[in-house]
Amino acid sequence: MLTGSAREPADWGGVKPGPLAAFWGTLRLTRCLGRYAADFVEADLRREPIDGPAGAALLGAFFDEIVPLYPGWSPGVGPTAEPHEVVPPRGCFLVSYDGGAPIGCVAVKKLDEHTGEIKRLYVVPSARHAGVARRLLGAIEDVARELGCETVRLDTGDKQPASLSLFRATGYVEIEDYNGNPYASYWMEKRL
């Protein structure tokens, strides 16, 4: 469940799972010998400070993965996601937990009155291919709506094909460069 919101597990990502709704938020798919197997976990989304302990740990891991992909990249290059930018009423930072351990995060910050920018979507490697990123993306889109956004934007680089696939699969369309990020290859937006 998304702490601090009316969002219920049964509508995460716009999916209505029907009679199994009570289990939807705890069903995770994990890769096992090339196939996906069901694994029940205690998944939880929480609004937290980006510079809190979970945010610091997750973003540290995010930075450790991004820097080798894009030499020269740092959090200070290109668009920012500073603590003051991702707190209400201008934004939000979400952390996903599995059994008390932080496994993913995402932020939104308002660019203007009706447009938000999604930043720092990250899932730890051991929790990938389980729908965590999709769940985080859907939840942060809901938060953007709460903040008055009608559109959300994001960018990604050409060395992150899984991210690009996720964004396309969830309704994001390519647009022109809107933020001057020198490490991005794709700029996208979605009407909420």
N, C-alpha and C. Protein backbone atom coordinates (compact mmCIF):
# COMPACT_ATOMS: atom_id res chain seq x y z
N MET A 1 0.83 -1.17 0.00
CA MET A 1 0.00 0.00 0.00
C MET A 1 0.87 1.22 0.00
N LEU A 2 0.37 2.32 -0.54
CA LEU A 2 1.08 3.58 -0.59
C LEU A 2 0.74 4.35 0.66
N THR A 3 1.67 4.47 1.58
CA THR A 3 1.44 5.17 2.82
C THR A 3 1.15 6.63 2.53
N GLY A 4 0.10 7.15 3.13
CA GLY A 4 -0.23 8.55 2.97
C GLY A 4 -1.09 8.84 1.76
N SER A 5 -1.69 7.84 1.15
CA SER A 5 -2.53 8.03 -0.03
C SER A 5 -3.68 7.04 0.01
N ALA A 6 -4.70 7.35 -0.77
CA ALA A 6 -5.84 6.45 -0.86
C ALA A 6 -5.60 5.33 -1.86
N ARG A 7 -4.44 5.30 -2.46
CA ARG A 7 -4.12 4.30 -3.48
C ARG A 7 -4.13 2.90 -2.86
N GLU A 8 -4.86 2.00 -3.46
CA GLU A 8 -4.97 0.63 -2.99
C GLU A 8 -4.18 -0.30 -3.88
N PRO A 9 -3.68 -1.42 -3.35
CA PRO A 9 -2.91 -2.36 -4.17
C PRO A 9 -3.68 -2.83 -5.40
N ALA A 10 -5.00 -2.90 -5.32
CA ALA A 10 -5.80 -3.42 -6.42
C ALA A 10 -5.76 -2.53 -7.65
N ASP A 11 -5.34 -1.26 -7.51
CA ASP A 11 -5.32 -0.42 -8.70
C ASP A 11 -3.93 0.06 -9.06
N TRP A 12 -2.89 -0.55 -8.52
CA TRP A 12 -1.53 -0.16 -8.88
C TRP A 12 -1.33 -0.31 -10.37
N GLY A 13 -0.81 0.71 -10.97
CA GLY A 13 -0.50 0.66 -12.39
C GLY A 13 -1.72 0.60 -13.28
N GLY A 14 -2.90 0.92 -12.77
CA GLY A 14 -4.10 0.89 -13.57
C GLY A 14 -4.63 -0.51 -13.81
N VAL A 15 -4.07 -1.52 -13.17
CA VAL A 15 -4.48 -2.90 -13.37
C VAL A 15 -5.56 -3.26 -12.36
N LYS A 16 -6.62 -3.88 -12.83
CA LYS A 16 -7.69 -4.36 -11.96
C LYS A 16 -7.64 -5.88 -11.98
N PRO A 17 -7.00 -6.51 -10.98
CA PRO A 17 -6.78 -7.95 -11.04
C PRO A 17 -7.99 -8.82 -10.71
N GLY A 18 -9.14 -8.25 -10.38
CA GLY A 18 -10.33 -9.04 -10.15
C GLY A 18 -10.33 -9.72 -8.80
N PRO A 19 -10.74 -11.00 -8.73
CA PRO A 19 -10.92 -11.67 -7.45
C PRO A 19 -9.65 -11.85 -6.63
N LEU A 20 -8.49 -11.72 -7.24
CA LEU A 20 -7.25 -11.86 -6.50
C LEU A 20 -6.69 -10.52 -6.04
N ALA A 21 -7.53 -9.50 -6.00
CA ALA A 21 -7.08 -8.15 -5.65
C ALA A 21 -6.35 -8.09 -4.32
N ALA A 22 -6.78 -8.87 -3.35
CA ALA A 22 -6.14 -8.82 -2.02
C ALA A 22 -4.69 -9.26 -2.09
N PHE A 23 -4.35 -10.08 -3.06
CA PHE A 23 -2.99 -10.59 -3.17
C PHE A 23 -2.12 -9.82 -4.15
N TRP A 24 -2.71 -8.94 -4.95
CA TRP A 24 -1.99 -8.27 -6.02
C TRP A 24 -0.77 -7.52 -5.51
N GLY A 25 -0.92 -6.79 -4.42
CA GLY A 25 0.18 -5.99 -3.91
C GLY A 25 1.30 -6.81 -3.32
N THR A 26 1.08 -8.08 -3.04
CA THR A 26 2.13 -8.89 -2.45
C THR A 26 2.67 -9.95 -3.39
N LEU A 27 2.12 -10.04 -4.59
CA LEU A 27 2.62 -11.03 -5.55
C LEU A 27 3.81 -10.45 -6.29
N ARG A 28 4.89 -11.15 -6.24
CA ARG A 28 6.09 -10.71 -6.95
C ARG A 28 6.56 -11.86 -7.83
N LEU A 29 7.01 -11.51 -9.01
CA LEU A 29 7.56 -12.53 -9.90
C LEU A 29 9.07 -12.46 -9.83
N THR A 30 9.68 -13.60 -9.69
CA THR A 30 11.14 -13.65 -9.66
C THR A 30 11.63 -14.61 -10.73
N ARG A 31 12.78 -14.32 -11.29
CA ARG A 31 13.35 -15.15 -12.35
C ARG A 31 13.97 -16.40 -11.72
N CYS A 32 13.61 -17.55 -12.23
CA CYS A 32 14.11 -18.82 -11.69
C CYS A 32 14.32 -19.76 -12.86
N LEU A 33 15.56 -20.07 -13.17
CA LEU A 33 15.90 -20.98 -14.26
C LEU A 33 15.25 -20.57 -15.58
N GLY A 34 15.23 -19.27 -15.84
CA GLY A 34 14.68 -18.78 -17.10
C GLY A 34 13.18 -18.67 -17.12
N ARG A 35 12.51 -19.01 -16.03
CA ARG A 35 11.06 -18.88 -15.94
C ARG A 35 10.72 -18.00 -14.76
N TYR A 36 9.50 -17.50 -14.75
CA TYR A 36 9.07 -16.69 -13.62
C TYR A 36 8.28 -17.56 -12.66
N ALA A 37 8.59 -17.41 -11.39
CA ALA A 37 7.89 -18.18 -10.35
C ALA A 37 7.28 -17.21 -9.36
N ALA A 38 6.13 -17.53 -8.82
CA ALA A 38 5.46 -16.66 -7.85
C ALA A 38 6.19 -16.71 -6.52
N ASP A 39 6.31 -15.54 -5.91
CA ASP A 39 6.96 -15.43 -4.61
C ASP A 39 6.21 -14.35 -3.84
N PHE A 40 5.61 -14.67 -2.72
CA PHE A 40 4.87 -13.69 -1.95
C PHE A 40 5.81 -12.92 -1.06
N VAL A 41 5.69 -11.60 -1.12
CA VAL A 41 6.54 -10.71 -0.34
C VAL A 41 5.68 -9.65 0.33
N GLU A 42 6.26 -9.00 1.28
CA GLU A 42 5.60 -7.90 1.98
C GLU A 42 6.05 -6.60 1.31
N ALA A 43 5.34 -6.16 0.27
CA ALA A 43 5.70 -4.95 -0.47
C ALA A 43 4.97 -3.75 0.12
N ASP A 44 5.66 -2.63 0.18
CA ASP A 44 5.12 -1.44 0.80
C ASP A 44 5.76 -0.21 0.15
N LEU A 45 4.95 0.79 -0.19
CA LEU A 45 5.46 2.04 -0.73
C LEU A 45 5.27 3.13 0.31
N ARG A 46 6.33 3.92 0.55
CA ARG A 46 6.26 4.97 1.57
C ARG A 46 6.82 6.28 1.02
N ARG A 47 6.19 7.37 1.44
CA ARG A 47 6.71 8.70 1.15
C ARG A 47 7.76 9.02 2.19
N GLU A 48 8.95 9.35 1.73
CA GLU A 48 10.06 9.60 2.65
C GLU A 48 10.93 10.73 2.10
N PRO A 49 11.79 11.29 2.94
CA PRO A 49 12.75 12.29 2.43
C PRO A 49 13.78 11.62 1.53
N ILE A 50 14.12 12.28 0.44
CA ILE A 50 15.11 11.72 -0.49
C ILE A 50 16.47 11.60 0.17
N ASP A 51 16.75 12.45 1.16
CA ASP A 51 18.04 12.40 1.82
C ASP A 51 18.00 11.62 3.14
N GLY A 52 16.92 10.84 3.35
CA GLY A 52 16.84 9.96 4.50
C GLY A 52 17.70 8.72 4.29
N PRO A 53 17.76 7.82 5.28
CA PRO A 53 18.63 6.64 5.18
C PRO A 53 18.32 5.75 3.97
N ALA A 54 17.05 5.46 3.70
CA ALA A 54 16.70 4.60 2.57
C ALA A 54 17.03 5.29 1.25
N GLY A 55 16.69 6.57 1.15
CA GLY A 55 16.99 7.32 -0.06
C GLY A 55 18.49 7.38 -0.34
N ALA A 56 19.26 7.64 0.71
CA ALA A 56 20.72 7.72 0.55
C ALA A 56 21.29 6.38 0.08
N ALA A 57 20.83 5.28 0.65
CA ALA A 57 21.33 3.96 0.26
C ALA A 57 20.94 3.63 -1.18
N LEU A 58 19.66 3.84 -1.53
CA LEU A 58 19.20 3.51 -2.88
C LEU A 58 19.85 4.40 -3.93
N LEU A 59 19.94 5.70 -3.65
CA LEU A 59 20.54 6.59 -4.63
C LEU A 59 22.04 6.36 -4.75
N GLY A 60 22.68 5.95 -3.68
CA GLY A 60 24.10 5.59 -3.77
C GLY A 60 24.29 4.41 -4.72
N ALA A 61 23.41 3.41 -4.61
CA ALA A 61 23.48 2.25 -5.52
C ALA A 61 23.15 2.67 -6.95
N PHE A 62 22.16 3.56 -7.11
CA PHE A 62 21.79 4.10 -8.42
C PHE A 62 23.00 4.79 -9.06
N PHE A 63 23.65 5.67 -8.30
CA PHE A 63 24.81 6.39 -8.82
C PHE A 63 25.92 5.42 -9.21
N ASP A 64 26.12 4.38 -8.38
CA ASP A 64 27.16 3.38 -8.67
C ASP A 64 26.91 2.67 -10.00
N GLU A 65 25.64 2.50 -10.37
CA GLU A 65 25.30 1.86 -11.65
C GLU A 65 25.38 2.83 -12.82
N ILE A 66 24.99 4.08 -12.60
CA ILE A 66 24.91 5.05 -13.69
C ILE A 66 26.28 5.55 -14.13
N VAL A 67 27.17 5.81 -13.19
CA VAL A 67 28.47 6.39 -13.53
C VAL A 67 29.26 5.54 -14.54
N PRO A 68 29.34 4.20 -14.39
CA PRO A 68 30.05 3.42 -15.42
C PRO A 68 29.37 3.45 -16.79
N LEU A 69 28.04 3.62 -16.80
CA LEU A 69 27.32 3.69 -18.07
C LEU A 69 27.57 5.01 -18.79
N TYR A 70 27.66 6.08 -18.03
CA TYR A 70 27.80 7.43 -18.57
C TYR A 70 28.97 8.14 -17.88
N PRO A 71 30.20 7.83 -18.27
CA PRO A 71 31.36 8.46 -17.64
C PRO A 71 31.23 9.99 -17.63
N GLY A 72 31.51 10.57 -16.49
CA GLY A 72 31.39 12.02 -16.33
C GLY A 72 30.08 12.44 -15.69
N TRP A 73 29.11 11.53 -15.65
CA TRP A 73 27.83 11.87 -15.04
C TRP A 73 28.01 12.02 -13.53
N SER A 74 27.25 12.95 -12.97
CA SER A 74 27.15 13.10 -11.52
C SER A 74 25.79 13.72 -11.22
N PRO A 75 25.32 13.62 -9.98
CA PRO A 75 24.01 14.19 -9.66
C PRO A 75 23.91 15.68 -9.94
N GLY A 76 25.04 16.38 -9.99
CA GLY A 76 25.01 17.81 -10.24
C GLY A 76 25.03 18.19 -11.71
N VAL A 77 25.13 17.20 -12.60
CA VAL A 77 25.15 17.47 -14.04
C VAL A 77 23.75 17.21 -14.59
N GLY A 78 23.20 18.19 -15.27
CA GLY A 78 21.87 18.02 -15.84
C GLY A 78 20.78 18.30 -14.83
N PRO A 79 19.58 17.81 -15.10
CA PRO A 79 18.43 18.06 -14.23
C PRO A 79 18.67 17.52 -12.81
N THR A 80 18.14 18.20 -11.85
CA THR A 80 18.37 17.85 -10.45
C THR A 80 17.15 17.17 -9.82
N ALA A 81 17.40 16.58 -8.67
CA ALA A 81 16.35 16.04 -7.80
C ALA A 81 16.80 16.33 -6.37
N GLU A 82 16.87 17.59 -6.04
CA GLU A 82 17.34 18.03 -4.73
C GLU A 82 16.24 17.82 -3.67
N PRO A 83 16.65 17.65 -2.41
CA PRO A 83 15.65 17.42 -1.35
C PRO A 83 14.52 18.44 -1.33
N HIS A 84 14.82 19.72 -1.52
CA HIS A 84 13.77 20.74 -1.48
C HIS A 84 12.84 20.68 -2.70
N GLU A 85 13.26 20.00 -3.77
CA GLU A 85 12.44 19.90 -4.98
C GLU A 85 11.44 18.75 -4.93
N VAL A 86 11.67 17.77 -4.04
CA VAL A 86 10.83 16.58 -4.04
C VAL A 86 10.09 16.41 -2.71
N VAL A 87 9.60 17.53 -2.18
CA VAL A 87 8.74 17.52 -1.01
C VAL A 87 7.49 18.34 -1.35
N PRO A 88 6.35 18.00 -0.75
CA PRO A 88 5.12 18.75 -1.02
C PRO A 88 5.31 20.23 -0.69
N PRO A 89 4.73 21.12 -1.42
CA PRO A 89 3.77 20.88 -2.53
C PRO A 89 4.43 20.80 -3.90
N ARG A 90 5.76 20.78 -3.96
CA ARG A 90 6.46 20.79 -5.24
C ARG A 90 6.87 19.42 -5.73
N GLY A 91 6.78 18.37 -4.89
CA GLY A 91 7.22 17.06 -5.33
C GLY A 91 7.06 16.01 -4.26
N CYS A 92 7.67 14.85 -4.49
CA CYS A 92 7.56 13.72 -3.57
C CYS A 92 8.64 12.70 -3.91
N PHE A 93 9.06 11.95 -2.90
CA PHE A 93 9.99 10.85 -3.08
C PHE A 93 9.36 9.61 -2.45
N LEU A 94 9.31 8.52 -3.21
CA LEU A 94 8.74 7.26 -2.74
C LEU A 94 9.82 6.20 -2.63
N VAL A 95 9.69 5.36 -1.60
CA VAL A 95 10.58 4.22 -1.42
C VAL A 95 9.72 2.96 -1.35
N SER A 96 10.12 1.93 -2.07
CA SER A 96 9.47 0.63 -2.02
C SER A 96 10.26 -0.28 -1.08
N TYR A 97 9.52 -0.96 -0.20
CA TYR A 97 10.14 -1.87 0.76
C TYR A 97 9.64 -3.29 0.53
N ASP A 98 10.51 -4.24 0.77
CA ASP A 98 10.17 -5.66 0.75
C ASP A 98 10.64 -6.24 2.08
N GLY A 99 9.69 -6.58 2.93
CA GLY A 99 10.04 -7.14 4.24
C GLY A 99 10.89 -6.21 5.07
N GLY A 100 10.71 -4.92 4.95
CA GLY A 100 11.46 -3.95 5.73
C GLY A 100 12.72 -3.44 5.07
N ALA A 101 13.14 -4.05 3.97
CA ALA A 101 14.35 -3.61 3.26
C ALA A 101 13.97 -2.72 2.07
N PRO A 102 14.62 -1.57 1.92
CA PRO A 102 14.32 -0.72 0.76
C PRO A 102 14.82 -1.38 -0.53
N ILE A 103 13.93 -1.47 -1.53
CA ILE A 103 14.28 -2.14 -2.78
C ILE A 103 14.13 -1.26 -4.01
N GLY A 104 13.55 -0.07 -3.85
CA GLY A 104 13.38 0.79 -5.01
C GLY A 104 12.94 2.17 -4.61
N CYS A 105 13.08 3.12 -5.55
CA CYS A 105 12.68 4.49 -5.27
C CYS A 105 12.34 5.22 -6.56
N VAL A 106 11.68 6.35 -6.39
CA VAL A 106 11.34 7.23 -7.51
C VAL A 106 10.94 8.59 -6.92
N ALA A 107 11.14 9.64 -7.71
CA ALA A 107 10.77 10.98 -7.28
C ALA A 107 9.99 11.68 -8.38
N VAL A 108 9.24 12.70 -7.98
CA VAL A 108 8.62 13.62 -8.94
C VAL A 108 8.84 15.02 -8.41
N LYS A 109 9.11 15.94 -9.33
CA LYS A 109 9.20 17.35 -8.98
C LYS A 109 8.41 18.14 -10.02
N LYS A 110 7.79 19.19 -9.59
CA LYS A 110 7.01 20.01 -10.52
C LYS A 110 7.93 20.92 -11.32
N LEU A 111 7.71 20.92 -12.63
CA LEU A 111 8.42 21.84 -13.51
C LEU A 111 7.67 23.15 -13.64
N ASP A 112 6.35 23.05 -13.64
CA ASP A 112 5.47 24.21 -13.65
C ASP A 112 4.16 23.78 -13.01
N GLU A 113 3.16 24.61 -13.07
CA GLU A 113 1.90 24.35 -12.37
C GLU A 113 1.24 23.03 -12.77
N HIS A 114 1.41 22.62 -14.04
CA HIS A 114 0.70 21.44 -14.53
C HIS A 114 1.61 20.33 -15.07
N THR A 115 2.92 20.47 -14.90
CA THR A 115 3.86 19.48 -15.45
C THR A 115 4.83 19.03 -14.37
N GLY A 116 4.98 17.72 -14.25
CA GLY A 116 5.95 17.15 -13.31
C GLY A 116 7.03 16.42 -14.07
N GLU A 117 8.17 16.25 -13.40
CA GLU A 117 9.27 15.48 -13.98
C GLU A 117 9.60 14.33 -13.04
N ILE A 118 9.64 13.12 -13.59
CA ILE A 118 9.96 11.92 -12.82
C ILE A 118 11.47 11.73 -12.84
N LYS A 119 12.03 11.51 -11.65
CA LYS A 119 13.48 11.39 -11.49
C LYS A 119 13.81 10.19 -10.62
N ARG A 120 15.02 9.67 -10.80
CA ARG A 120 15.65 8.70 -9.91
C ARG A 120 14.85 7.41 -9.70
N LEU A 121 14.24 6.90 -10.78
CA LEU A 121 13.57 5.59 -10.70
C LEU A 121 14.66 4.54 -10.63
N TYR A 122 14.67 3.78 -9.55
CA TYR A 122 15.71 2.77 -9.35
C TYR A 122 15.15 1.59 -8.56
N VAL A 123 15.55 0.38 -8.98
CA VAL A 123 15.20 -0.85 -8.27
C VAL A 123 16.49 -1.65 -8.10
N VAL A 124 16.71 -2.16 -6.90
CA VAL A 124 17.92 -2.94 -6.65
C VAL A 124 17.91 -4.18 -7.56
N PRO A 125 19.08 -4.63 -8.01
CA PRO A 125 19.14 -5.76 -8.95
C PRO A 125 18.38 -7.00 -8.49
N SER A 126 18.41 -7.33 -7.21
CA SER A 126 17.74 -8.54 -6.73
C SER A 126 16.22 -8.46 -6.80
N ALA A 127 15.66 -7.27 -6.99
CA ALA A 127 14.21 -7.10 -7.06
C ALA A 127 13.72 -6.78 -8.47
N ARG A 128 14.59 -6.81 -9.44
CA ARG A 128 14.19 -6.50 -10.82
C ARG A 128 13.41 -7.66 -11.43
N HIS A 129 12.66 -7.35 -12.47
CA HIS A 129 11.82 -8.32 -13.18
C HIS A 129 10.68 -8.82 -12.30
N ALA A 130 10.29 -8.01 -11.32
CA ALA A 130 9.22 -8.38 -10.40
C ALA A 130 8.08 -7.36 -10.40
N GLY A 131 8.11 -6.40 -11.30
CA GLY A 131 7.06 -5.39 -11.37
C GLY A 131 7.24 -4.22 -10.41
N VAL A 132 8.35 -4.16 -9.71
CA VAL A 132 8.56 -3.09 -8.74
C VAL A 132 8.67 -1.73 -9.43
N ALA A 133 9.43 -1.65 -10.51
CA ALA A 133 9.58 -0.38 -11.22
C ALA A 133 8.24 0.10 -11.77
N ARG A 134 7.47 -0.81 -12.33
CA ARG A 134 6.16 -0.45 -12.87
C ARG A 134 5.24 0.06 -11.75
N ARG A 135 5.29 -0.60 -10.60
CA ARG A 135 4.48 -0.18 -9.46
C ARG A 135 4.92 1.20 -8.96
N LEU A 136 6.23 1.41 -8.86
CA LEU A 136 6.73 2.72 -8.44
C LEU A 136 6.32 3.81 -9.44
N LEU A 137 6.44 3.52 -10.71
CA LEU A 137 6.08 4.49 -11.74
C LEU A 137 4.60 4.86 -11.65
N GLY A 138 3.74 3.85 -11.52
CA GLY A 138 2.31 4.13 -11.39
C GLY A 138 1.98 4.93 -10.14
N ALA A 139 2.65 4.61 -9.05
CA ALA A 139 2.40 5.33 -7.79
C ALA A 139 2.85 6.78 -7.87
N ILE A 140 4.01 7.03 -8.49
CA ILE A 140 4.49 8.41 -8.56
C ILE A 140 3.64 9.21 -9.55
N GLU A 141 3.07 8.56 -10.55
CA GLU A 141 2.13 9.25 -11.43
C GLU A 141 0.89 9.68 -10.64
N ASP A 142 0.41 8.83 -9.74
CA ASP A 142 -0.72 9.20 -8.89
C ASP A 142 -0.38 10.39 -7.99
N VAL A 143 0.83 10.38 -7.45
CA VAL A 143 1.27 11.50 -6.62
C VAL A 143 1.31 12.78 -7.47
N ALA A 144 1.81 12.67 -8.69
CA ALA A 144 1.85 13.84 -9.58
C ALA A 144 0.45 14.40 -9.80
N ARG A 145 -0.54 13.52 -9.98
CA ARG A 145 -1.93 13.97 -10.11
C ARG A 145 -2.37 14.72 -8.85
N GLU A 146 -2.03 14.16 -7.69
CA GLU A 146 -2.38 14.82 -6.42
C GLU A 146 -1.78 16.22 -6.34
N LEU A 147 -0.61 16.39 -6.93
CA LEU A 147 0.09 17.68 -6.91
C LEU A 147 -0.44 18.64 -7.98
N GLY A 148 -1.40 18.19 -8.78
CA GLY A 148 -2.00 19.04 -9.80
C GLY A 148 -1.40 18.90 -11.18
N CYS A 149 -0.54 17.92 -11.38
CA CYS A 149 0.07 17.73 -12.69
C CYS A 149 -0.91 17.08 -13.66
N GLU A 150 -0.90 17.57 -14.88
CA GLU A 150 -1.69 16.97 -15.96
C GLU A 150 -0.80 16.15 -16.88
N THR A 151 0.49 16.42 -16.84
CA THR A 151 1.48 15.74 -17.67
C THR A 151 2.72 15.48 -16.82
N VAL A 152 3.36 14.34 -17.06
CA VAL A 152 4.67 14.08 -16.46
C VAL A 152 5.67 13.82 -17.57
N ARG A 153 6.89 14.23 -17.32
CA ARG A 153 7.97 14.05 -18.27
C ARG A 153 9.10 13.31 -17.60
N LEU A 154 9.97 12.73 -18.42
CA LEU A 154 11.17 12.08 -17.91
C LEU A 154 12.17 11.96 -19.05
N ASP A 155 13.39 11.61 -18.68
CA ASP A 155 14.41 11.35 -19.70
C ASP A 155 15.16 10.09 -19.32
N THR A 156 15.82 9.49 -20.30
CA THR A 156 16.63 8.31 -20.06
C THR A 156 17.72 8.24 -21.12
N GLY A 157 18.76 7.50 -20.82
CA GLY A 157 19.86 7.37 -21.75
C GLY A 157 19.75 6.14 -22.62
N ASP A 158 20.60 6.09 -23.63
CA ASP A 158 20.55 4.98 -24.58
C ASP A 158 21.17 3.70 -24.03
N LYS A 159 21.78 3.76 -22.86
CA LYS A 159 22.37 2.56 -22.25
C LYS A 159 21.46 1.96 -21.18
N GLN A 160 20.19 2.34 -21.21
CA GLN A 160 19.20 1.83 -20.27
C GLN A 160 17.98 1.31 -21.03
N PRO A 161 18.16 0.25 -21.82
CA PRO A 161 17.05 -0.23 -22.65
C PRO A 161 15.85 -0.74 -21.84
N ALA A 162 16.07 -1.30 -20.67
CA ALA A 162 14.94 -1.76 -19.85
C ALA A 162 14.08 -0.59 -19.41
N SER A 163 14.70 0.52 -19.07
CA SER A 163 13.95 1.72 -18.68
C SER A 163 13.13 2.23 -19.86
N LEU A 164 13.75 2.32 -21.01
CA LEU A 164 13.06 2.80 -22.20
C LEU A 164 11.86 1.90 -22.52
N SER A 165 12.05 0.59 -22.43
CA SER A 165 10.94 -0.35 -22.68
C SER A 165 9.80 -0.15 -21.69
N LEU A 166 10.13 0.02 -20.42
CA LEU A 166 9.10 0.26 -19.40
C LEU A 166 8.33 1.53 -19.72
N PHE A 167 9.03 2.60 -20.02
CA PHE A 167 8.35 3.87 -20.27
C PHE A 167 7.43 3.77 -21.49
N ARG A 168 7.90 3.14 -22.55
CA ARG A 168 7.05 2.98 -23.74
C ARG A 168 5.84 2.11 -23.43
N ALA A 169 6.05 1.03 -22.66
CA ALA A 169 4.95 0.11 -22.35
C ALA A 169 3.90 0.73 -21.44
N THR A 170 4.27 1.77 -20.72
CA THR A 170 3.31 2.40 -19.79
C THR A 170 2.75 3.71 -20.32
N GLY A 171 2.92 3.95 -21.62
CA GLY A 171 2.23 5.07 -22.26
C GLY A 171 3.02 6.34 -22.47
N TYR A 172 4.31 6.32 -22.23
CA TYR A 172 5.13 7.51 -22.48
C TYR A 172 5.46 7.60 -23.96
N VAL A 173 5.43 8.82 -24.48
CA VAL A 173 5.75 9.06 -25.89
C VAL A 173 6.95 10.00 -25.97
N GLU A 174 7.74 9.83 -27.02
CA GLU A 174 8.93 10.65 -27.18
C GLU A 174 8.56 12.08 -27.55
N ILE A 175 9.32 13.01 -26.97
CA ILE A 175 9.16 14.44 -27.24
C ILE A 175 10.55 15.02 -27.48
N GLU A 176 10.60 16.30 -27.81
CA GLU A 176 11.87 17.00 -27.97
C GLU A 176 12.55 17.17 -26.61
N ASP A 177 13.84 17.39 -26.63
CA ASP A 177 14.62 17.66 -25.42
C ASP A 177 13.97 18.85 -24.69
N TYR A 178 13.58 18.63 -23.45
CA TYR A 178 12.94 19.68 -22.67
C TYR A 178 13.80 20.16 -21.51
N ASN A 179 14.93 19.48 -21.23
CA ASN A 179 15.68 19.83 -20.03
C ASN A 179 17.19 19.95 -20.24
N GLY A 180 17.69 19.75 -21.44
CA GLY A 180 19.11 19.92 -21.72
C GLY A 180 20.02 18.91 -21.04
N ASN A 181 19.49 17.74 -20.66
CA ASN A 181 20.32 16.72 -20.02
C ASN A 181 21.32 16.18 -21.04
N PRO A 182 22.63 16.42 -20.83
CA PRO A 182 23.61 15.99 -21.83
C PRO A 182 23.81 14.47 -21.91
N TYR A 183 23.29 13.73 -20.93
CA TYR A 183 23.45 12.28 -20.92
C TYR A 183 22.19 11.54 -21.38
N ALA A 184 21.13 12.26 -21.63
CA ALA A 184 19.88 11.64 -22.08
C ALA A 184 19.89 11.49 -23.60
N SER A 185 19.21 10.45 -24.05
CA SER A 185 19.02 10.23 -25.49
C SER A 185 17.54 10.25 -25.84
N TYR A 186 16.69 10.08 -24.82
CA TYR A 186 15.25 10.04 -25.00
C TYR A 186 14.59 10.96 -23.97
N TRP A 187 13.67 11.78 -24.47
CA TRP A 187 12.86 12.62 -23.61
C TRP A 187 11.43 12.21 -23.89
N MET A 188 10.66 12.00 -22.82
CA MET A 188 9.33 11.42 -22.98
C MET A 188 8.33 12.13 -22.07
N GLU A 189 7.04 11.98 -22.41
CA GLU A 189 6.00 12.52 -21.55
C GLU A 189 4.75 11.65 -21.64
N LYS A 190 3.91 11.83 -20.63
CA LYS A 190 2.64 11.10 -20.56
C LYS A 190 1.59 12.03 -19.99
N ARG A 191 0.43 12.04 -20.65
CA ARG A 191 -0.72 12.79 -20.12
C ARG A 191 -1.35 11.95 -19.03
N LEU A 192 -1.63 12.56 -17.90
CA LEU A 192 -2.21 11.82 -16.77
C LEU A 192 -3.74 11.87 -16.80
